[in-house]
């Protein structure tokens, strides 16, 4: 669990650092959109970990039920991402390019940290 926390904190730091660079190079509005997009990726990771924690707590179940849980979790995460991006663009009027770039950066950081052993 320590490695999960360390990987998550590294992801938060990387998203925040690049958002700061975006603020310095472009402007604060772009940085807000970038950070918002990165935050969506972080929320996505938290939802994934929460579902994994629930599955571990519940114990082994039939493959059919596990597949149903996996599909439901994937749909939930997709809906949260789509709704959050929609709110960011339509309601908050954030820059779409910076928002999507922040989301992509957050996801890539998570993938990289996972592949380099951050999720052991």
Protein backbone atom coordinates (compact mmCIF):
# COMPACT_ATOMS: atom_id res chain seq x y z
CA UNK A 1 0.00 0.00 0.00
CA UNK A 2 2.96 2.33 0.63
CA UNK A 3 4.03 1.95 -3.00
CA UNK A 4 0.53 2.86 -4.16
CA UNK A 5 0.59 6.02 -2.07
CA UNK A 6 4.08 6.91 -3.29
CA UNK A 7 3.07 6.38 -6.92
CA UNK A 8 -0.06 8.47 -6.46
CA UNK A 9 1.87 11.29 -4.78
CA UNK A 10 4.45 11.20 -7.59
CA UNK A 11 1.60 11.47 -10.09
CA UNK A 12 0.15 14.46 -8.19
CA UNK A 13 3.57 16.13 -8.13
CA UNK A 14 4.18 15.54 -11.85
CA UNK A 15 0.77 16.93 -12.82
CA UNK A 16 1.23 19.95 -10.55
CA UNK A 17 4.76 20.61 -11.78
CA UNK A 18 3.77 20.59 -15.44
CA UNK A 19 0.70 22.73 -14.67
CA UNK A 20 3.09 25.24 -13.12
CA UNK A 21 5.24 25.16 -16.25
CA UNK A 22 2.14 25.72 -18.37
CA UNK A 23 1.24 28.75 -16.20
CA UNK A 24 4.75 30.13 -16.61
CA UNK A 25 4.99 29.54 -20.38
CA UNK A 26 1.37 30.25 -21.42
CA UNK A 27 -1.03 31.72 -18.87
CA UNK A 28 -3.00 30.90 -15.77
CA UNK A 29 -6.16 29.94 -17.72
CA UNK A 30 -4.27 27.26 -19.65
CA UNK A 31 -2.69 26.02 -16.43
CA UNK A 32 -6.08 25.73 -14.73
CA UNK A 33 -7.39 23.67 -17.64
CA UNK A 34 -4.26 21.50 -17.63
CA UNK A 35 -4.49 20.92 -13.88
CA UNK A 36 -8.22 20.15 -14.14
CA UNK A 37 -7.50 17.54 -16.82
CA UNK A 38 -4.71 16.04 -14.74
CA UNK A 39 -7.05 15.93 -11.75
CA UNK A 40 -9.53 13.91 -13.78
CA UNK A 41 -6.79 11.33 -14.38
CA UNK A 42 -6.02 11.28 -10.65
CA UNK A 43 -9.69 10.74 -9.78
CA UNK A 44 -9.74 7.93 -12.34
CA UNK A 45 -6.84 6.24 -10.52
CA UNK A 46 -8.56 6.65 -7.15
CA UNK A 47 -11.73 5.03 -8.50
CA UNK A 48 -9.68 2.12 -9.87
CA UNK A 49 -7.91 1.63 -6.53
CA UNK A 50 -11.18 1.84 -4.63
CA UNK A 51 -12.71 -0.92 -6.77
CA UNK A 52 -9.57 -3.05 -6.41
CA UNK A 53 -9.70 -2.59 -2.62
CA UNK A 54 -13.36 -3.66 -2.61
CA UNK A 55 -12.57 -6.74 -4.68
CA UNK A 56 -9.70 -7.73 -2.36
CA UNK A 57 -11.86 -7.22 0.71
CA UNK A 58 -14.68 -9.28 -0.76
CA UNK A 59 -12.47 -12.25 -1.56
CA UNK A 60 -12.61 -14.65 -4.49
CA UNK A 61 -15.85 -14.96 -6.45
CA UNK A 62 -16.91 -16.71 -9.60
CA UNK A 63 -15.26 -15.56 -12.83
CA UNK A 64 -18.65 -14.43 -14.15
CA UNK A 65 -19.21 -12.11 -11.18
CA UNK A 66 -15.65 -10.80 -11.33
CA UNK A 67 -16.08 -9.98 -15.03
CA UNK A 68 -19.32 -8.15 -14.26
CA UNK A 69 -17.57 -6.12 -11.57
CA UNK A 70 -14.71 -5.30 -13.94
CA UNK A 71 -17.10 -4.14 -16.65
CA UNK A 72 -19.14 -2.06 -14.19
CA UNK A 73 -16.00 -0.43 -12.83
CA UNK A 74 -14.79 0.40 -16.34
CA UNK A 75 -18.12 1.95 -17.26
CA UNK A 76 -18.19 3.98 -14.03
CA UNK A 77 -14.70 5.32 -14.66
CA UNK A 78 -15.52 6.15 -18.28
CA UNK A 79 -18.67 8.02 -17.25
CA UNK A 80 -16.78 10.00 -14.60
CA UNK A 81 -14.12 10.97 -17.14
CA UNK A 82 -16.61 11.94 -19.85
CA UNK A 83 -18.80 13.91 -17.41
CA UNK A 84 -15.80 15.68 -15.88
CA UNK A 85 -14.40 16.66 -19.27
CA UNK A 86 -17.85 17.85 -20.32
CA UNK A 87 -18.21 19.98 -17.19
CA UNK A 88 -14.73 21.41 -17.70
CA UNK A 89 -15.43 22.41 -21.29
CA UNK A 90 -19.12 23.35 -21.21
CA UNK A 91 -19.68 24.72 -17.71
CA UNK A 92 -16.25 25.96 -16.62
CA UNK A 93 -15.29 27.06 -20.17
CA UNK A 94 -11.75 25.68 -19.85
CA UNK A 95 -9.46 25.39 -22.85
CA UNK A 96 -10.21 22.01 -24.47
CA UNK A 97 -6.66 21.43 -25.69
CA UNK A 98 -5.06 22.17 -22.31
CA UNK A 99 -7.71 20.10 -20.49
CA UNK A 100 -7.19 17.04 -22.69
CA UNK A 101 -3.40 17.51 -22.56
CA UNK A 102 -3.57 17.54 -18.75
CA UNK A 103 -5.71 14.41 -18.73
CA UNK A 104 -3.33 12.65 -21.14
CA UNK A 105 -0.31 13.72 -19.07
CA UNK A 106 -1.94 12.43 -15.88
CA UNK A 107 -2.77 9.10 -17.50
CA UNK A 108 0.73 8.75 -18.98
CA UNK A 109 2.30 9.48 -15.59
CA UNK A 110 0.15 6.77 -14.04
CA UNK A 111 1.09 4.27 -16.73
CA UNK A 112 4.78 5.11 -16.45
CA UNK A 113 4.76 4.83 -12.67
CA UNK A 114 2.97 1.49 -12.90
CA UNK A 115 5.42 0.12 -15.46
CA UNK A 116 8.43 1.26 -13.44
CA UNK A 117 7.24 -0.55 -10.33
CA UNK A 118 5.30 2.13 -8.49
CA UNK A 119 2.30 -0.18 -8.02
CA UNK A 120 3.98 -3.21 -6.41
